[in-house]
Amino acid sequence: MSEVIMESPITLTEGAYTELKKLITEKNIPENFFLRVGVKGGGCAGLSYILGFDSKKDSDQVYQYKDLTVLMDKAQGMYLVGMEIDFVDGLNNRGFSFNNPNAVETCGCGTSFSS
């Protein structure tokens, strides 16, 4: 059975895309690991973002963003559709940030939200 790969429901800024590609090379991420975007319970506002590299699971939907394969648990898509991931590299701030149109409330750190 062949797997259907759809266009990603999330977007990456050029900064985020570049940083992720750099991490794949620097950390020697295995070829069978892909970008995982998701949510989990926790954080000040109820849900926290997941961003990392992982192998595919049965519950995953597979998406394509440029040349990156993106994994997302099928049950979490409703929380993430339309989200933009950015990478900030400034004097006071360095890291990934999430601009999620589904977030009703976010915490001050920007990594937790409620919908």
N, C-alpha and C. Protein backbone atom coordinates (compact mmCIF):
# COMPACT_ATOMS: atom_id res chain seq x y z
N MET A 1 0.85 -1.17 0.00
CA MET A 1 0.00 0.00 0.00
C MET A 1 0.90 1.24 0.00
N SER A 2 0.66 2.15 -0.94
CA SER A 2 1.48 3.35 -0.98
C SER A 2 0.89 4.42 -0.07
N GLU A 3 1.76 5.26 0.43
CA GLU A 3 1.38 6.29 1.38
C GLU A 3 1.08 7.58 0.62
N VAL A 4 0.00 8.24 0.99
CA VAL A 4 -0.36 9.51 0.37
C VAL A 4 0.31 10.62 1.16
N ILE A 5 1.11 11.42 0.48
CA ILE A 5 1.77 12.56 1.12
C ILE A 5 1.07 13.82 0.64
N MET A 6 0.60 14.60 1.60
CA MET A 6 -0.14 15.81 1.28
C MET A 6 0.72 17.05 1.56
N GLU A 7 0.27 18.18 1.02
CA GLU A 7 0.94 19.44 1.29
C GLU A 7 0.77 19.78 2.77
N SER A 8 1.80 20.30 3.38
CA SER A 8 1.81 20.57 4.81
C SER A 8 0.80 21.65 5.21
N PRO A 9 0.06 21.42 6.31
CA PRO A 9 -0.87 22.43 6.82
C PRO A 9 -0.17 23.52 7.63
N ILE A 10 1.12 23.36 7.85
CA ILE A 10 1.90 24.38 8.55
C ILE A 10 2.90 24.98 7.58
N THR A 11 3.39 26.17 7.91
CA THR A 11 4.43 26.79 7.09
C THR A 11 5.64 27.09 7.96
N LEU A 12 6.77 27.18 7.31
CA LEU A 12 8.02 27.53 7.97
C LEU A 12 8.54 28.81 7.32
N THR A 13 9.00 29.74 8.15
CA THR A 13 9.66 30.90 7.58
C THR A 13 10.99 30.43 7.02
N GLU A 14 11.61 31.26 6.21
CA GLU A 14 12.92 30.90 5.65
C GLU A 14 13.93 30.65 6.77
N GLY A 15 13.85 31.45 7.84
CA GLY A 15 14.76 31.27 8.98
C GLY A 15 14.57 29.92 9.66
N ALA A 16 13.33 29.50 9.85
CA ALA A 16 13.04 28.21 10.48
C ALA A 16 13.48 27.06 9.57
N TYR A 17 13.17 27.18 8.30
CA TYR A 17 13.56 26.15 7.33
C TYR A 17 15.09 25.98 7.31
N THR A 18 15.80 27.09 7.24
CA THR A 18 17.27 27.06 7.21
C THR A 18 17.83 26.44 8.48
N GLU A 19 17.29 26.82 9.64
CA GLU A 19 17.78 26.28 10.91
C GLU A 19 17.50 24.78 11.02
N LEU A 20 16.35 24.34 10.58
CA LEU A 20 16.04 22.90 10.62
C LEU A 20 16.97 22.11 9.72
N LYS A 21 17.23 22.62 8.52
CA LYS A 21 18.16 21.94 7.61
C LYS A 21 19.56 21.87 8.23
N LYS A 22 19.96 22.95 8.90
CA LYS A 22 21.27 22.99 9.57
C LYS A 22 21.32 21.96 10.70
N LEU A 23 20.25 21.86 11.48
CA LEU A 23 20.20 20.88 12.58
C LEU A 23 20.29 19.45 12.06
N ILE A 24 19.61 19.17 10.96
CA ILE A 24 19.65 17.83 10.37
C ILE A 24 21.09 17.44 10.05
N THR A 25 21.84 18.37 9.49
CA THR A 25 23.24 18.10 9.13
C THR A 25 24.13 18.02 10.37
N GLU A 26 24.03 19.02 11.25
CA GLU A 26 24.91 19.09 12.43
C GLU A 26 24.69 17.94 13.40
N LYS A 27 23.45 17.52 13.56
CA LYS A 27 23.12 16.47 14.54
C LYS A 27 23.08 15.08 13.91
N ASN A 28 23.43 15.00 12.61
CA ASN A 28 23.43 13.71 11.90
C ASN A 28 22.11 12.95 12.09
N ILE A 29 21.01 13.65 11.84
CA ILE A 29 19.68 13.04 11.97
C ILE A 29 19.57 11.90 10.94
N PRO A 30 19.21 10.69 11.38
CA PRO A 30 19.10 9.56 10.44
C PRO A 30 18.07 9.82 9.34
N GLU A 31 18.28 9.20 8.20
CA GLU A 31 17.38 9.39 7.05
C GLU A 31 15.97 8.90 7.31
N ASN A 32 15.79 7.99 8.28
CA ASN A 32 14.44 7.49 8.58
C ASN A 32 13.76 8.30 9.68
N PHE A 33 14.35 9.43 10.05
CA PHE A 33 13.74 10.37 10.99
C PHE A 33 13.30 11.60 10.21
N PHE A 34 12.14 12.14 10.59
CA PHE A 34 11.56 13.27 9.88
C PHE A 34 11.16 14.33 10.89
N LEU A 35 10.82 15.51 10.39
CA LEU A 35 10.40 16.60 11.26
C LEU A 35 9.04 16.28 11.87
N ARG A 36 8.97 16.26 13.19
CA ARG A 36 7.69 16.03 13.88
C ARG A 36 7.21 17.35 14.46
N VAL A 37 5.96 17.70 14.12
CA VAL A 37 5.30 18.88 14.67
C VAL A 37 4.04 18.39 15.36
N GLY A 38 3.83 18.82 16.61
CA GLY A 38 2.66 18.35 17.32
C GLY A 38 2.39 19.16 18.57
N VAL A 39 1.48 18.65 19.38
CA VAL A 39 1.14 19.26 20.66
C VAL A 39 1.08 18.16 21.71
N LYS A 40 1.26 18.57 22.96
CA LYS A 40 1.09 17.66 24.08
C LYS A 40 0.49 18.46 25.23
N GLY A 41 -0.15 17.78 26.14
CA GLY A 41 -0.72 18.45 27.30
C GLY A 41 0.39 18.99 28.19
N GLY A 42 0.19 20.20 28.69
CA GLY A 42 1.18 20.79 29.59
C GLY A 42 1.42 22.25 29.28
N GLY A 43 2.28 22.85 30.03
CA GLY A 43 2.57 24.27 29.85
C GLY A 43 1.57 25.12 30.61
N CYS A 44 1.84 26.41 30.67
CA CYS A 44 0.98 27.32 31.46
C CYS A 44 -0.42 27.46 30.90
N ALA A 45 -0.59 27.29 29.59
CA ALA A 45 -1.90 27.53 28.97
C ALA A 45 -2.63 26.24 28.61
N GLY A 46 -2.05 25.08 28.86
CA GLY A 46 -2.75 23.82 28.63
C GLY A 46 -2.13 22.89 27.60
N LEU A 47 -1.60 23.44 26.50
CA LEU A 47 -0.97 22.63 25.46
C LEU A 47 0.40 23.21 25.14
N SER A 48 1.36 22.34 24.91
CA SER A 48 2.71 22.75 24.51
C SER A 48 3.02 22.19 23.13
N TYR A 49 3.86 22.90 22.41
CA TYR A 49 4.25 22.46 21.07
C TYR A 49 5.34 21.40 21.13
N ILE A 50 5.31 20.51 20.15
CA ILE A 50 6.36 19.52 19.94
C ILE A 50 7.03 19.86 18.62
N LEU A 51 8.33 19.96 18.62
CA LEU A 51 9.10 20.19 17.40
C LEU A 51 10.39 19.41 17.55
N GLY A 52 10.58 18.42 16.70
CA GLY A 52 11.77 17.59 16.80
C GLY A 52 11.85 16.64 15.62
N PHE A 53 12.71 15.65 15.73
CA PHE A 53 12.89 14.67 14.67
C PHE A 53 12.54 13.30 15.22
N ASP A 54 11.81 12.52 14.43
CA ASP A 54 11.27 11.27 14.93
C ASP A 54 11.01 10.33 13.75
N SER A 55 10.82 9.05 14.06
CA SER A 55 10.43 8.09 13.03
C SER A 55 8.91 8.10 12.90
N LYS A 56 8.43 7.61 11.77
CA LYS A 56 6.99 7.61 11.49
C LYS A 56 6.28 6.57 12.36
N LYS A 57 5.10 6.96 12.85
CA LYS A 57 4.26 6.07 13.64
C LYS A 57 2.96 5.82 12.87
N ASP A 58 2.24 4.77 13.24
CA ASP A 58 0.99 4.42 12.55
C ASP A 58 -0.05 5.53 12.61
N SER A 59 -0.04 6.32 13.68
CA SER A 59 -1.04 7.37 13.87
C SER A 59 -0.68 8.68 13.16
N ASP A 60 0.42 8.68 12.40
CA ASP A 60 0.89 9.92 11.76
C ASP A 60 0.27 10.16 10.39
N GLN A 61 0.08 11.42 10.09
CA GLN A 61 -0.19 11.87 8.73
C GLN A 61 1.15 12.41 8.23
N VAL A 62 1.47 12.15 6.98
CA VAL A 62 2.75 12.57 6.41
C VAL A 62 2.50 13.72 5.44
N TYR A 63 3.26 14.79 5.62
CA TYR A 63 3.14 15.98 4.78
C TYR A 63 4.49 16.30 4.16
N GLN A 64 4.47 17.10 3.15
CA GLN A 64 5.70 17.56 2.52
C GLN A 64 5.77 19.08 2.59
N TYR A 65 6.90 19.61 3.07
CA TYR A 65 7.16 21.05 3.04
C TYR A 65 8.52 21.23 2.37
N LYS A 66 8.51 21.77 1.17
CA LYS A 66 9.72 21.83 0.34
C LYS A 66 10.32 20.43 0.30
N ASP A 67 11.57 20.27 0.73
CA ASP A 67 12.18 18.93 0.71
C ASP A 67 12.17 18.27 2.09
N LEU A 68 11.39 18.82 3.04
CA LEU A 68 11.27 18.23 4.37
C LEU A 68 10.00 17.39 4.45
N THR A 69 10.13 16.19 4.99
CA THR A 69 8.96 15.38 5.30
C THR A 69 8.54 15.73 6.71
N VAL A 70 7.26 16.07 6.86
CA VAL A 70 6.72 16.51 8.15
C VAL A 70 5.74 15.47 8.66
N LEU A 71 5.92 15.05 9.91
CA LEU A 71 5.02 14.10 10.56
C LEU A 71 4.13 14.84 11.55
N MET A 72 2.86 14.47 11.56
CA MET A 72 1.93 15.07 12.51
C MET A 72 0.89 14.01 12.88
N ASP A 73 0.68 13.82 14.17
CA ASP A 73 -0.34 12.88 14.61
C ASP A 73 -1.69 13.33 14.05
N LYS A 74 -2.43 12.40 13.46
CA LYS A 74 -3.71 12.74 12.81
C LYS A 74 -4.66 13.47 13.76
N ALA A 75 -4.64 13.13 15.03
CA ALA A 75 -5.56 13.74 15.99
C ALA A 75 -5.16 15.16 16.38
N GLN A 76 -3.95 15.58 16.04
CA GLN A 76 -3.47 16.90 16.46
C GLN A 76 -3.58 17.97 15.38
N GLY A 77 -3.93 17.58 14.17
CA GLY A 77 -3.99 18.51 13.06
C GLY A 77 -4.88 19.71 13.30
N MET A 78 -6.01 19.50 13.98
CA MET A 78 -6.95 20.60 14.21
C MET A 78 -6.35 21.71 15.05
N TYR A 79 -5.34 21.40 15.85
CA TYR A 79 -4.69 22.41 16.68
C TYR A 79 -3.60 23.17 15.91
N LEU A 80 -3.16 22.62 14.79
CA LEU A 80 -1.96 23.14 14.14
C LEU A 80 -2.16 23.70 12.74
N VAL A 81 -3.29 23.42 12.11
CA VAL A 81 -3.50 23.87 10.73
C VAL A 81 -3.39 25.39 10.64
N GLY A 82 -2.60 25.85 9.68
CA GLY A 82 -2.40 27.28 9.48
C GLY A 82 -1.27 27.87 10.30
N MET A 83 -0.61 27.07 11.13
CA MET A 83 0.44 27.58 12.00
C MET A 83 1.71 27.89 11.21
N GLU A 84 2.40 28.95 11.62
CA GLU A 84 3.69 29.31 11.04
C GLU A 84 4.76 29.14 12.12
N ILE A 85 5.84 28.47 11.75
CA ILE A 85 6.98 28.29 12.65
C ILE A 85 8.10 29.19 12.16
N ASP A 86 8.67 29.95 13.08
CA ASP A 86 9.74 30.88 12.77
C ASP A 86 10.95 30.54 13.63
N PHE A 87 12.11 31.02 13.22
CA PHE A 87 13.31 30.90 14.04
C PHE A 87 13.87 32.29 14.25
N VAL A 88 14.05 32.65 15.52
CA VAL A 88 14.56 33.96 15.89
C VAL A 88 15.98 33.78 16.40
N ASP A 89 16.88 34.62 15.93
CA ASP A 89 18.28 34.55 16.35
C ASP A 89 18.75 35.95 16.71
N GLY A 90 18.27 36.46 17.84
CA GLY A 90 18.60 37.81 18.26
C GLY A 90 19.43 37.83 19.53
N LEU A 91 19.72 39.02 20.01
CA LEU A 91 20.51 39.16 21.23
C LEU A 91 19.78 38.64 22.45
N ASN A 92 18.49 38.94 22.56
CA ASN A 92 17.72 38.54 23.73
C ASN A 92 16.91 37.27 23.54
N ASN A 93 16.74 36.86 22.32
CA ASN A 93 15.90 35.71 22.00
C ASN A 93 16.56 34.85 20.94
N ARG A 94 16.58 33.55 21.17
CA ARG A 94 17.08 32.63 20.16
C ARG A 94 16.28 31.35 20.26
N GLY A 95 15.65 30.97 19.17
CA GLY A 95 14.89 29.73 19.17
C GLY A 95 13.71 29.78 18.23
N PHE A 96 12.96 28.70 18.22
CA PHE A 96 11.79 28.59 17.36
C PHE A 96 10.60 29.26 18.04
N SER A 97 9.77 29.90 17.24
CA SER A 97 8.53 30.49 17.76
C SER A 97 7.37 30.01 16.89
N PHE A 98 6.19 30.04 17.46
CA PHE A 98 5.00 29.47 16.83
C PHE A 98 3.92 30.53 16.73
N ASN A 99 3.46 30.80 15.52
CA ASN A 99 2.36 31.72 15.29
C ASN A 99 1.16 30.87 14.88
N ASN A 100 0.27 30.61 15.84
CA ASN A 100 -0.82 29.66 15.64
C ASN A 100 -2.17 30.38 15.64
N PRO A 101 -2.86 30.44 14.49
CA PRO A 101 -4.15 31.12 14.44
C PRO A 101 -5.25 30.40 15.24
N ASN A 102 -5.00 29.16 15.65
CA ASN A 102 -5.98 28.40 16.43
C ASN A 102 -5.86 28.64 17.93
N ALA A 103 -4.80 29.34 18.34
CA ALA A 103 -4.57 29.59 19.77
C ALA A 103 -5.50 30.71 20.25
N VAL A 104 -6.30 30.40 21.25
CA VAL A 104 -7.19 31.38 21.86
C VAL A 104 -6.42 32.18 22.90
N GLU A 105 -5.52 31.49 23.59
CA GLU A 105 -4.72 32.11 24.64
C GLU A 105 -3.31 31.53 24.56
N THR A 106 -2.31 32.38 24.74
CA THR A 106 -0.93 31.91 24.78
C THR A 106 -0.28 32.39 26.07
N CYS A 107 0.78 31.72 26.47
CA CYS A 107 1.49 32.15 27.67
C CYS A 107 2.63 33.08 27.25
N GLY A 108 3.27 33.68 28.21
CA GLY A 108 4.34 34.63 27.94
C GLY A 108 5.55 34.04 27.24
N CYS A 109 5.81 32.76 27.47
CA CYS A 109 7.00 32.15 26.86
C CYS A 109 6.78 31.81 25.38
N GLY A 110 5.51 31.75 24.95
CA GLY A 110 5.21 31.49 23.54
C GLY A 110 5.25 30.03 23.13
N THR A 111 5.44 29.13 24.07
CA THR A 111 5.49 27.71 23.72
C THR A 111 4.28 26.94 24.23
N SER A 112 3.33 27.64 24.85
CA SER A 112 2.15 27.01 25.39
C SER A 112 0.92 27.80 24.96
N PHE A 113 -0.19 27.09 24.72
CA PHE A 113 -1.41 27.76 24.26
C PHE A 113 -2.64 26.96 24.63
N SER A 114 -3.79 27.59 24.50
CA SER A 114 -5.06 26.89 24.61
C SER A 114 -5.89 27.23 23.38
N SER A 115 -6.79 26.33 23.01
CA SER A 115 -7.60 26.59 21.82
C SER A 115 -9.07 26.40 22.13
